[in-house]
Amino acid sequence: MRRGQPVIKTGNEHRRRRREHAALIVVLAIALSIAVPVLAGEEEAPSEDQTVSEYHSPRCLTPGNPRRLLFECVGKRFDVIKETLTKDLAGYRTELAKLGITAIHSYTAQFMGNPSGGKSQGFTYSGTLQDLVSWDLQKFLGAPGLSFNVGASYASGRSLSEEYIGNVFTAQSAFNGKGNVNLQQMYLQQQFIDGALTVGLGRLAPANLFATLPMLNNYVNGGINSFPGSLNINDSTFTASPPGVEWGAQAIYRVTTTVQVAAGVYNTNPHAAAGKDNGVNFAFQQSNTGVLTIAQISYLYNEAQGDVGMPGEYTLGGSYDSNTFQSLSNPVSTERGGYSLYALFQQMVYREGGSGSRKGLTVWGEATISPKPSVSRMPYFLGSGLSYQGIIPGREKDTASLGVIYGSFSRHIPQTSSETAIEANYRIALTPWLSIMPDVQYIVKPGGNSSIPNAVAIGSQLEIVF
C-alpha cells in the first residue's frame, strides 16, 4: 500500500496509542510505589528491618532480582542493604515495606560478537531493564496471603543470532526487542494452607514456573537460560517474561517438604507471547484457538531449611496445546494440537565447607520430546552441564559454568538436521548486586544448515540489581 492511505495512518495511530498506553501504565506503577508511602507518611506503622532476610532456598537464591524470577519466589524478603545497589534509597524501601510493597529492579546487558563463522561476522549489544512490584494486600485490605504483582521491561539492542549467525539457540538471552517498553506479568496471587499452596490468576508467563532450573540462569545462551529452548521453538505460547505473557491461571502445591506439584492453563495468543503491542493488547483471540495446559511434579532433595545434605531437584512434566498449527508436512493445511514432555534435574555432587555451603560442583541435565514432527519444528532436545561455585580460592561467590545443548529439527523441514550450542563462562561476583560474566559459545550447524559455517561467539554479560 502507498504511504498516506487511510488504513496505514489508522494502523500507525493505533500502534502509537498502544505504546503510549504501555508507557502510561509503567509510569503509573512507578508513581504508585513512590506516592503511596508519601500519602501515608503520617500514619503510624511498625518499622520494617530491611537488613533481615528470609532463608533463601536453592530455588530462590536471588529474590531481589526480577530477571527470570520464579513464580514461587516473587515477594520473598531479602537484604536490600547487601543485595541492591540503591540499598534503602533514603528510606524509600522501608516506607514501601510498611504498606507491604516490595519493588525490585535489575539491568542485564550482553555484549557479543562472532569473529568467525555464521552468515557473516559482527558485534551486537542487547539489554533488558526489568521492574517488578509486589504488593502484599494483607496490610492494605486485611486479606491474608493475597498479593498483586505487576512487572515491566525495557528492551534495547540487537540480536547477534538473528543478524549475523543465523542460529535458533539465540546467543543472547537478554534480547527481547528493539527499544520496546513492555508491560509484563500482572496477576493476583493467593496463598493457602500456610503458604503450601500458591495460586496465580491474570497475565502470566508459563516458563517462569514450568520446566526451569536455578542452574540454567548461569548461562547467556537463550537455548539454555532459563528453560529448554525447544519448548518455545515448538510452541511460542510456552514463553518467559520477558518478552511475553498470556492470560492464565496456575498453581503450585508443596505436598510434602520434598514433593511439589504444579499445573497451569493459559491462553494461546501468539502476539501476547511475543510481547507485541508493548504488552497491552489484552485480546484473547488473535488467529488462535484453544488453550495451553501444563502439569509437572518435582522432587526437591535436601532443599528445606535445616537439611544438611547436598541439594538437588528432579522434575517431570508435560504440556498440551489445543491450538491450530500450520502443518510442516503440508504447508497449505493446518493441524490441531501439539504436545511436549520434559525431564530436568540438577544435583550438587561435591561440596566445599560444611552443611549449607553453596561452594562446590553441581551438575544438571534436561531432555524434551515433542513427538509430532508435523507441527513441532524441534521434536528432540537434550542438554547437560555443570557449574562450580568457588572454584578459585578466595573467590567463593564466583561461578564457572559449562553447558551443551542439542536440538534435532523436524524431518519435514528441508535442508536442516540439527543445531548444537556449547557455552563456557565465568561469573565474577564483584558485589552481591553487581556481576560480570565473560562468555564464549560455539555453534555447530547454525539453524541446522550445514552450509552455514560453525560459529564462535565471544563476549560478556553485565548484571546490576538496583
Protein backbone atom coordinates (compact mmCIF):
# COMPACT_ATOMS: atom_id res chain seq x y z
CA MET A 1 0.00 0.00 0.00
CA ARG A 2 1.15 3.54 -0.72
CA ARG A 3 2.14 5.91 2.00
CA GLY A 4 -0.64 8.20 3.16
CA GLN A 5 -3.54 5.79 2.63
CA PRO A 6 -6.06 5.98 5.48
CA VAL A 7 -5.63 2.36 6.58
CA ILE A 8 -1.90 2.86 7.12
CA LYS A 9 -2.47 6.04 9.03
CA THR A 10 -5.03 4.35 11.22
CA GLY A 11 -2.70 1.43 11.92
CA ASN A 12 0.13 3.74 12.88
CA GLU A 13 -2.16 5.74 15.11
CA HIS A 14 -3.32 2.57 16.90
CA ARG A 15 0.25 1.44 17.44
CA ARG A 16 1.23 4.85 18.75
CA ARG A 17 -1.66 4.83 21.23
CA ARG A 18 -0.75 1.36 22.46
CA ARG A 19 2.82 2.44 23.10
CA GLU A 20 1.59 5.49 24.97
CA HIS A 21 -0.74 3.24 26.95
CA ALA A 22 2.14 0.96 27.90
CA ALA A 23 4.35 3.87 28.93
CA LEU A 24 1.50 5.33 30.99
CA ILE A 25 0.96 2.06 32.84
CA VAL A 26 4.65 1.78 33.68
CA VAL A 27 4.78 5.39 34.88
CA LEU A 28 1.66 4.92 36.99
CA ALA A 29 3.08 1.77 38.58
CA ILE A 30 6.28 3.55 39.48
CA ALA A 31 4.39 6.65 40.67
CA LEU A 32 2.15 4.47 42.82
CA SER A 33 5.10 2.81 44.51
CA ILE A 34 6.52 6.23 45.35
CA ALA A 35 3.39 8.29 46.03
CA VAL A 36 1.51 5.92 48.29
CA PRO A 37 4.15 5.97 51.03
CA VAL A 38 4.23 9.75 50.84
CA LEU A 39 0.46 9.97 51.24
CA ALA A 40 0.65 7.57 54.15
CA GLY A 41 3.69 9.22 55.67
CA GLU A 42 1.86 10.47 58.76
CA GLU A 43 0.29 7.12 59.57
CA GLU A 44 1.72 5.02 62.36
CA ALA A 45 3.24 1.79 61.13
CA PRO A 46 5.61 -0.75 62.56
CA SER A 47 9.22 -0.42 61.49
CA GLU A 48 10.43 -2.85 58.86
CA ASP A 49 14.02 -4.09 59.18
CA GLN A 50 15.35 -4.04 55.65
CA THR A 51 18.53 -5.86 56.67
CA VAL A 52 16.71 -9.03 57.72
CA SER A 53 16.28 -11.68 55.04
CA GLU A 54 14.46 -14.98 54.98
CA TYR A 55 16.13 -18.30 54.30
CA HIS A 56 16.86 -18.47 50.56
CA SER A 57 16.10 -21.93 49.21
CA PRO A 58 18.15 -23.18 46.24
CA ARG A 59 15.19 -22.25 44.01
CA CYS A 60 15.04 -18.66 45.31
CA LEU A 61 18.66 -17.62 45.74
CA THR A 62 18.16 -14.08 44.39
CA PRO A 63 14.62 -12.86 45.22
CA GLY A 64 15.80 -9.25 44.80
CA ASN A 65 16.48 -9.78 41.07
CA PRO A 66 13.37 -9.80 38.83
CA ARG A 67 15.21 -11.40 35.88
CA ARG A 68 13.81 -14.91 35.39
CA LEU A 69 12.41 -14.82 38.93
CA LEU A 70 10.35 -17.94 39.58
CA PHE A 71 6.65 -17.59 40.39
CA GLU A 72 7.10 -19.07 43.87
CA CYS A 73 9.89 -16.58 44.71
CA VAL A 74 8.00 -13.35 43.98
CA GLY A 75 7.60 -11.20 47.08
CA LYS A 76 10.17 -13.09 49.17
CA ARG A 77 12.06 -10.88 51.61
CA PHE A 78 15.75 -10.19 51.08
CA ASP A 79 18.50 -7.98 52.48
CA VAL A 80 18.21 -4.77 50.45
CA ILE A 81 21.28 -3.27 52.08
CA LYS A 82 23.57 -6.06 50.87
CA GLU A 83 21.78 -7.24 47.73
CA THR A 84 20.94 -3.99 45.87
CA LEU A 85 22.88 -1.02 44.53
CA THR A 86 20.41 1.57 45.81
CA LYS A 87 20.05 -0.06 49.26
CA ASP A 88 17.15 1.57 51.18
CA LEU A 89 17.15 4.67 48.94
CA ALA A 90 16.89 7.16 51.81
CA GLY A 91 14.05 5.21 53.40
CA TYR A 92 12.18 4.54 50.15
CA ARG A 93 12.04 0.77 50.59
CA THR A 94 11.28 0.99 54.29
CA GLU A 95 8.23 3.16 53.60
CA LEU A 96 7.08 0.76 50.90
CA ALA A 97 7.56 -2.22 53.22
CA LYS A 98 5.24 -0.62 55.79
CA LEU A 99 2.48 -0.92 53.20
CA GLY A 100 3.51 -4.40 52.10
CA ILE A 101 5.09 -3.22 48.82
CA THR A 102 8.34 -4.72 47.51
CA ALA A 103 9.87 -3.08 44.42
CA ILE A 104 12.82 -4.78 42.71
CA HIS A 105 14.78 -3.72 39.64
CA SER A 106 17.63 -5.09 37.52
CA TYR A 107 19.53 -4.40 34.32
CA THR A 108 21.18 -7.09 32.19
CA ALA A 109 23.44 -6.23 29.24
CA GLN A 110 25.07 -8.78 26.93
CA PHE A 111 27.84 -7.77 24.54
CA MET A 112 28.55 -10.49 21.99
CA GLY A 113 30.38 -10.83 18.68
CA ASN A 114 31.20 -13.69 16.32
CA PRO A 115 34.77 -13.33 14.98
CA SER A 116 34.32 -16.43 12.84
CA GLY A 117 31.54 -18.49 11.28
CA GLY A 118 27.86 -17.77 10.87
CA LYS A 119 26.25 -15.97 7.92
CA SER A 120 28.65 -13.06 8.47
CA GLN A 121 30.69 -11.54 11.27
CA GLY A 122 29.54 -8.78 13.58
CA PHE A 123 29.07 -7.48 17.12
CA THR A 124 25.88 -6.52 18.95
CA TYR A 125 24.65 -5.33 22.32
CA SER A 126 21.36 -6.43 23.84
CA GLY A 127 19.95 -5.35 27.17
CA THR A 128 16.88 -5.60 29.35
CA LEU A 129 15.81 -3.33 32.20
CA GLN A 130 13.23 -5.05 34.42
CA ASP A 131 10.99 -3.86 37.23
CA LEU A 132 8.65 -5.84 39.43
CA VAL A 133 6.32 -4.53 42.13
CA SER A 134 4.75 -6.98 44.56
CA TRP A 135 2.04 -5.67 46.88
CA ASP A 136 1.06 -7.75 49.90
CA LEU A 137 -2.60 -6.83 50.22
CA GLN A 138 -2.95 -8.15 53.75
CA LYS A 139 -1.70 -4.82 55.08
CA PHE A 140 -3.98 -2.85 52.76
CA LEU A 141 -7.15 -4.95 52.59
CA GLY A 142 -6.71 -7.29 55.50
CA ALA A 143 -6.66 -10.28 53.13
CA PRO A 144 -4.12 -12.85 54.38
CA GLY A 145 -1.95 -14.39 51.66
CA LEU A 146 -3.28 -12.14 48.86
CA SER A 147 -0.89 -10.08 46.74
CA PHE A 148 -0.89 -8.14 43.48
CA ASN A 149 2.16 -8.34 41.24
CA VAL A 150 2.98 -6.25 38.18
CA GLY A 151 6.13 -6.09 36.08
CA ALA A 152 7.54 -4.02 33.24
CA SER A 153 10.59 -4.15 30.99
CA TYR A 154 12.57 -2.04 28.57
CA ALA A 155 14.41 -3.95 25.85
CA SER A 156 17.17 -2.46 23.72
CA GLY A 157 19.87 -3.54 21.30
CA ARG A 158 20.11 -6.09 18.50
CA SER A 159 20.35 -9.86 18.15
CA LEU A 160 23.68 -11.39 17.12
CA SER A 161 21.96 -14.66 16.20
CA GLU A 162 19.31 -13.00 14.04
CA GLU A 163 21.60 -10.61 12.19
CA TYR A 164 24.90 -12.46 11.89
CA ILE A 165 24.94 -16.12 12.96
CA GLY A 166 21.58 -17.49 11.81
CA ASN A 167 21.06 -19.94 14.69
CA VAL A 168 17.90 -20.71 16.68
CA PHE A 169 19.50 -21.11 20.12
CA THR A 170 20.00 -17.37 20.46
CA ALA A 171 23.43 -16.28 21.68
CA GLN A 172 21.90 -13.51 23.85
CA SER A 173 19.09 -14.43 26.22
CA ALA A 174 18.70 -10.73 27.12
CA PHE A 175 17.47 -9.85 23.63
CA ASN A 176 13.73 -9.22 23.88
CA GLY A 177 13.15 -6.48 21.29
CA LYS A 178 14.48 -3.21 19.96
CA GLY A 179 13.64 -0.18 22.10
CA ASN A 180 10.39 -1.58 23.49
CA VAL A 181 8.73 -0.62 26.78
CA ASN A 182 6.51 -3.55 27.72
CA LEU A 183 4.01 -4.35 30.41
CA GLN A 184 4.90 -7.82 31.67
CA GLN A 185 3.27 -10.14 34.17
CA MET A 186 0.27 -8.71 36.03
CA TYR A 187 -1.65 -11.02 38.32
CA LEU A 188 -3.29 -11.66 41.66
CA GLN A 189 -1.63 -14.27 43.85
CA GLN A 190 -3.25 -16.08 46.76
CA GLN A 191 -1.58 -18.39 49.26
CA PHE A 192 -3.44 -21.10 51.17
CA ILE A 193 -2.58 -23.76 53.76
CA ASP A 194 0.14 -21.71 55.44
CA GLY A 195 1.81 -21.00 52.11
CA ALA A 196 1.93 -24.61 50.89
CA LEU A 197 -0.47 -23.79 48.02
CA THR A 198 0.01 -20.70 45.84
CA VAL A 199 -2.45 -19.75 43.08
CA GLY A 200 -1.97 -17.07 40.43
CA LEU A 201 -4.59 -15.54 38.11
CA GLY A 202 -4.02 -12.92 35.41
CA ARG A 203 -1.30 -12.17 32.88
CA LEU A 204 1.29 -14.90 33.43
CA ALA A 205 4.38 -16.42 31.79
CA PRO A 206 4.37 -20.25 31.78
CA ALA A 207 8.18 -20.56 31.72
CA ASN A 208 8.50 -18.55 34.95
CA LEU A 209 7.05 -21.59 36.70
CA PHE A 210 7.47 -24.65 34.49
CA ALA A 211 10.45 -26.55 33.04
CA THR A 212 13.13 -24.43 34.67
CA LEU A 213 16.08 -24.95 37.00
CA PRO A 214 18.09 -22.40 39.03
CA MET A 215 21.34 -23.60 37.39
CA LEU A 216 20.07 -22.61 33.93
CA ASN A 217 20.30 -18.94 34.94
CA ASN A 218 24.10 -19.29 34.95
CA TYR A 219 24.21 -19.07 31.15
CA VAL A 220 23.94 -16.42 28.44
CA ASN A 221 22.61 -18.55 25.57
CA GLY A 222 18.83 -18.31 25.21
CA GLY A 223 18.52 -22.04 24.45
CA ILE A 224 19.78 -22.80 27.96
CA ASN A 225 18.62 -19.78 30.01
CA SER A 226 16.17 -20.29 31.54
CA PHE A 227 14.28 -23.33 30.18
CA PRO A 228 14.80 -25.85 27.35
CA GLY A 229 14.87 -23.82 24.13
CA SER A 230 12.87 -26.36 22.13
CA LEU A 231 9.70 -25.74 24.14
CA ASN A 232 9.36 -22.17 22.86
CA ILE A 233 10.63 -23.07 19.38
CA ASN A 234 7.81 -25.61 19.05
CA ASP A 235 5.14 -23.52 20.79
CA SER A 236 5.52 -19.75 21.14
CA THR A 237 2.89 -19.75 23.89
CA PHE A 238 5.38 -21.52 26.17
CA THR A 239 7.07 -18.19 26.89
CA ALA A 240 9.04 -16.50 29.65
CA SER A 241 8.65 -12.92 30.86
CA PRO A 242 10.11 -11.00 29.18
CA PRO A 243 9.27 -10.97 26.32
CA GLY A 244 5.68 -12.13 26.67
CA VAL A 245 2.74 -13.23 28.81
CA GLU A 246 -0.64 -14.90 28.42
CA TRP A 247 -3.95 -14.75 30.25
CA GLY A 248 -3.99 -17.76 32.53
CA ALA A 249 -4.28 -19.44 35.89
CA GLN A 250 -1.63 -21.51 37.63
CA ALA A 251 -1.00 -23.19 40.96
CA ILE A 252 1.93 -24.74 42.79
CA TYR A 253 1.46 -27.01 45.80
CA ARG A 254 4.09 -28.26 48.25
CA VAL A 255 2.65 -31.71 49.01
CA THR A 256 5.48 -32.53 51.41
CA THR A 257 8.85 -30.95 52.16
CA THR A 258 10.25 -32.87 49.18
CA VAL A 259 7.37 -33.19 46.68
CA GLN A 260 5.97 -30.25 44.73
CA VAL A 261 3.29 -30.33 42.03
CA ALA A 262 2.21 -27.55 39.66
CA ALA A 263 -0.41 -27.03 36.96
CA GLY A 264 -1.45 -24.17 34.70
CA VAL A 265 -3.89 -23.27 31.92
CA TYR A 266 -3.11 -20.40 29.52
CA ASN A 267 -4.47 -18.58 26.52
CA THR A 268 -2.60 -19.10 23.23
CA ASN A 269 -2.38 -15.61 21.71
CA PRO A 270 0.89 -15.59 19.69
CA HIS A 271 1.08 -11.78 19.72
CA ALA A 272 0.94 -11.63 23.52
CA ALA A 273 3.51 -14.43 23.81
CA ALA A 274 5.93 -12.48 21.60
CA GLY A 275 5.48 -9.28 23.61
CA LYS A 276 3.94 -7.35 20.75
CA ASP A 277 1.92 -4.13 21.17
CA ASN A 278 4.01 -3.22 24.23
CA GLY A 279 2.29 -5.92 26.26
CA VAL A 280 -1.00 -4.03 26.47
CA ASN A 281 -3.00 -5.96 23.91
CA PHE A 282 -5.32 -7.90 26.20
CA ALA A 283 -7.21 -9.76 23.44
CA PHE A 284 -7.85 -13.46 23.98
CA GLN A 285 -8.18 -14.40 20.32
CA GLN A 286 -5.86 -13.25 17.53
CA SER A 287 -5.60 -16.05 14.97
CA ASN A 288 -5.52 -18.55 17.85
CA THR A 289 -7.88 -21.08 19.41
CA GLY A 290 -7.67 -23.48 22.32
CA VAL A 291 -5.55 -23.37 25.47
CA LEU A 292 -2.10 -24.44 26.65
CA THR A 293 -2.22 -26.85 29.60
CA ILE A 294 0.91 -27.73 31.60
CA ALA A 295 1.48 -30.03 34.57
CA GLN A 296 4.63 -31.10 36.39
CA ILE A 297 5.89 -32.83 39.51
CA SER A 298 9.19 -32.09 41.24
CA TYR A 299 11.23 -33.90 43.85
CA LEU A 300 13.21 -31.43 45.96
CA TYR A 301 16.09 -33.20 47.65
CA ASN A 302 17.75 -31.57 50.68
CA GLU A 303 16.26 -28.16 49.85
CA ALA A 304 14.29 -27.50 53.04
CA GLN A 305 15.68 -25.22 55.72
CA GLY A 306 17.79 -27.29 58.09
CA ASP A 307 18.65 -30.04 55.56
CA VAL A 308 22.35 -30.86 55.72
CA GLY A 309 22.80 -32.99 52.58
CA MET A 310 23.77 -31.74 49.13
CA PRO A 311 20.68 -30.23 47.43
CA GLY A 312 19.11 -31.34 44.18
CA GLU A 313 15.84 -31.30 42.29
CA TYR A 314 14.24 -33.58 39.72
CA THR A 315 11.29 -32.57 37.53
CA LEU A 316 8.96 -34.36 35.13
CA GLY A 317 6.29 -32.50 33.17
CA GLY A 318 4.26 -32.18 30.02
CA SER A 319 2.23 -29.68 28.03
CA TYR A 320 -0.62 -29.88 25.54
CA ASP A 321 -1.67 -27.02 23.28
CA SER A 322 -5.09 -27.46 21.66
CA ASN A 323 -4.44 -24.57 19.26
CA THR A 324 -4.32 -24.98 15.47
CA PHE A 325 -0.82 -25.16 13.98
CA GLN A 326 0.40 -24.83 10.42
CA SER A 327 1.41 -28.25 9.15
CA LEU A 328 5.12 -28.68 8.39
CA SER A 329 4.43 -31.70 6.20
CA ASN A 330 1.79 -29.87 4.15
CA PRO A 331 2.21 -26.05 4.41
CA VAL A 332 -1.20 -25.35 2.88
CA SER A 333 -3.01 -27.19 5.67
CA THR A 334 -3.28 -26.97 9.46
CA GLU A 335 -3.34 -29.49 12.28
CA ARG A 336 -4.97 -29.40 15.68
CA GLY A 337 -2.91 -29.89 18.83
CA GLY A 338 0.72 -30.27 19.83
CA TYR A 339 2.31 -31.65 22.95
CA SER A 340 5.67 -31.97 24.72
CA LEU A 341 7.16 -34.00 27.54
CA TYR A 342 10.18 -32.85 29.52
CA ALA A 343 12.54 -34.01 32.26
CA LEU A 344 15.11 -31.89 34.12
CA PHE A 345 17.44 -32.32 37.06
CA GLN A 346 20.22 -30.60 38.95
CA GLN A 347 22.26 -32.13 41.73
CA MET A 348 25.14 -30.91 43.84
CA VAL A 349 27.74 -33.70 43.75
CA TYR A 350 30.67 -32.11 45.58
CA ARG A 351 30.67 -29.55 48.39
CA GLU A 352 33.37 -27.45 49.96
CA GLY A 353 32.69 -26.50 53.54
CA GLY A 354 30.01 -27.62 55.94
CA SER A 355 26.27 -28.14 55.53
CA GLY A 356 24.55 -25.20 53.89
CA SER A 357 27.63 -24.14 51.92
CA ARG A 358 26.94 -23.14 48.30
CA LYS A 359 30.55 -23.79 47.28
CA GLY A 360 31.04 -26.85 45.13
CA LEU A 361 30.08 -28.65 41.93
CA THR A 362 26.51 -29.02 40.64
CA VAL A 363 25.59 -30.98 37.52
CA TRP A 364 22.38 -30.63 35.53
CA GLY A 365 20.58 -32.24 32.60
CA GLU A 366 17.43 -31.79 30.54
CA ALA A 367 15.53 -33.57 27.78
CA THR A 368 12.36 -32.80 25.86
CA ILE A 369 10.38 -34.71 23.27
CA SER A 370 7.61 -33.30 21.09
CA PRO A 371 6.59 -36.43 19.18
CA LYS A 372 4.51 -34.77 16.48
CA PRO A 373 7.09 -33.65 13.88
CA SER A 374 4.37 -32.41 11.55
CA VAL A 375 3.78 -29.44 13.90
CA SER A 376 6.94 -29.39 16.08
CA ARG A 377 10.00 -27.75 14.50
CA MET A 378 12.33 -29.42 17.03
CA PRO A 379 10.94 -32.80 18.17
CA TYR A 380 14.02 -33.82 20.19
CA PHE A 381 16.20 -31.79 22.55
CA LEU A 382 18.97 -32.68 25.00
CA GLY A 383 21.13 -30.58 27.31
CA SER A 384 23.61 -31.03 30.13
CA GLY A 385 26.21 -29.05 32.01
CA LEU A 386 27.88 -28.22 35.27
CA SER A 387 28.54 -25.22 37.48
CA TYR A 388 31.22 -24.86 40.13
CA GLN A 389 30.87 -22.07 42.68
CA GLY A 390 34.10 -21.00 44.39
CA ILE A 391 36.47 -22.90 42.10
CA ILE A 392 39.18 -20.23 42.61
CA PRO A 393 40.44 -19.82 46.20
CA GLY A 394 39.35 -16.52 47.68
CA ARG A 395 36.53 -16.11 45.11
CA GLU A 396 33.81 -18.13 46.85
CA LYS A 397 30.91 -16.27 45.17
CA ASP A 398 32.24 -16.66 41.61
CA THR A 399 30.82 -19.42 39.41
CA ALA A 400 32.35 -21.26 36.45
CA SER A 401 29.87 -23.00 34.13
CA LEU A 402 29.96 -25.26 31.10
CA GLY A 403 26.90 -26.37 29.14
CA VAL A 404 25.91 -28.02 25.88
CA ILE A 405 22.51 -28.32 24.20
CA TYR A 406 21.43 -30.22 21.09
CA GLY A 407 18.22 -29.96 19.11
CA SER A 408 17.07 -32.07 16.17
CA PHE A 409 14.85 -30.40 13.56
CA SER A 410 11.72 -31.95 12.10
CA ARG A 411 12.24 -34.17 9.09
CA HIS A 412 9.58 -32.09 7.35
CA ILE A 413 11.83 -29.00 7.28
CA PRO A 414 14.01 -29.36 4.17
CA GLN A 415 17.78 -28.99 4.27
CA THR A 416 18.03 -28.95 8.07
CA SER A 417 19.36 -31.51 10.50
CA SER A 418 20.30 -30.34 13.99
CA GLU A 419 21.91 -27.48 15.91
CA THR A 420 24.31 -27.70 18.85
CA ALA A 421 25.40 -24.90 21.19
CA ILE A 422 28.31 -25.19 23.61
CA GLU A 423 28.88 -22.47 26.22
CA ALA A 424 31.58 -21.80 28.81
CA ASN A 425 31.59 -18.80 31.13
CA TYR A 426 32.88 -17.45 34.42
CA ARG A 427 30.64 -15.24 36.55
CA ILE A 428 32.64 -12.73 38.60
CA ALA A 429 30.59 -11.57 41.59
CA LEU A 430 32.04 -8.13 42.28
CA THR A 431 29.34 -7.47 44.88
CA PRO A 432 26.04 -9.23 45.70
CA TRP A 433 24.35 -6.79 43.28
CA LEU A 434 26.96 -6.49 40.51
CA SER A 435 28.47 -9.22 38.33
CA ILE A 436 30.43 -9.54 35.09
CA MET A 437 30.48 -12.78 33.14
CA PRO A 438 32.97 -13.37 30.29
CA ASP A 439 31.41 -15.87 27.90
CA VAL A 440 32.32 -17.98 24.88
CA GLN A 441 29.97 -20.06 22.74
CA TYR A 442 30.47 -22.46 19.85
CA ILE A 443 27.51 -23.01 17.50
CA VAL A 444 27.51 -26.16 15.33
CA LYS A 445 25.34 -26.07 12.19
CA PRO A 446 23.56 -22.75 12.84
CA GLY A 447 19.87 -23.16 12.08
CA GLY A 448 20.52 -26.83 11.30
CA ASN A 449 22.03 -25.73 8.00
CA SER A 450 25.39 -27.32 7.17
CA SER A 451 26.05 -24.65 4.54
CA ILE A 452 26.44 -22.02 7.30
CA PRO A 453 29.90 -22.29 8.90
CA ASN A 454 30.13 -23.20 12.56
CA ALA A 455 30.33 -20.00 14.61
CA VAL A 456 32.34 -18.80 17.59
CA ALA A 457 30.64 -16.13 19.75
CA ILE A 458 32.64 -14.25 22.37
CA GLY A 459 31.51 -11.56 24.77
CA SER A 460 30.44 -10.69 28.27
CA GLN A 461 27.35 -10.12 30.41
CA LEU A 462 26.89 -7.29 32.89
CA GLU A 463 24.16 -7.60 35.52
CA ILE A 464 23.12 -4.98 38.10
CA VAL A 465 20.42 -5.31 40.76
CA PHE A 466 19.14 -1.90 41.85
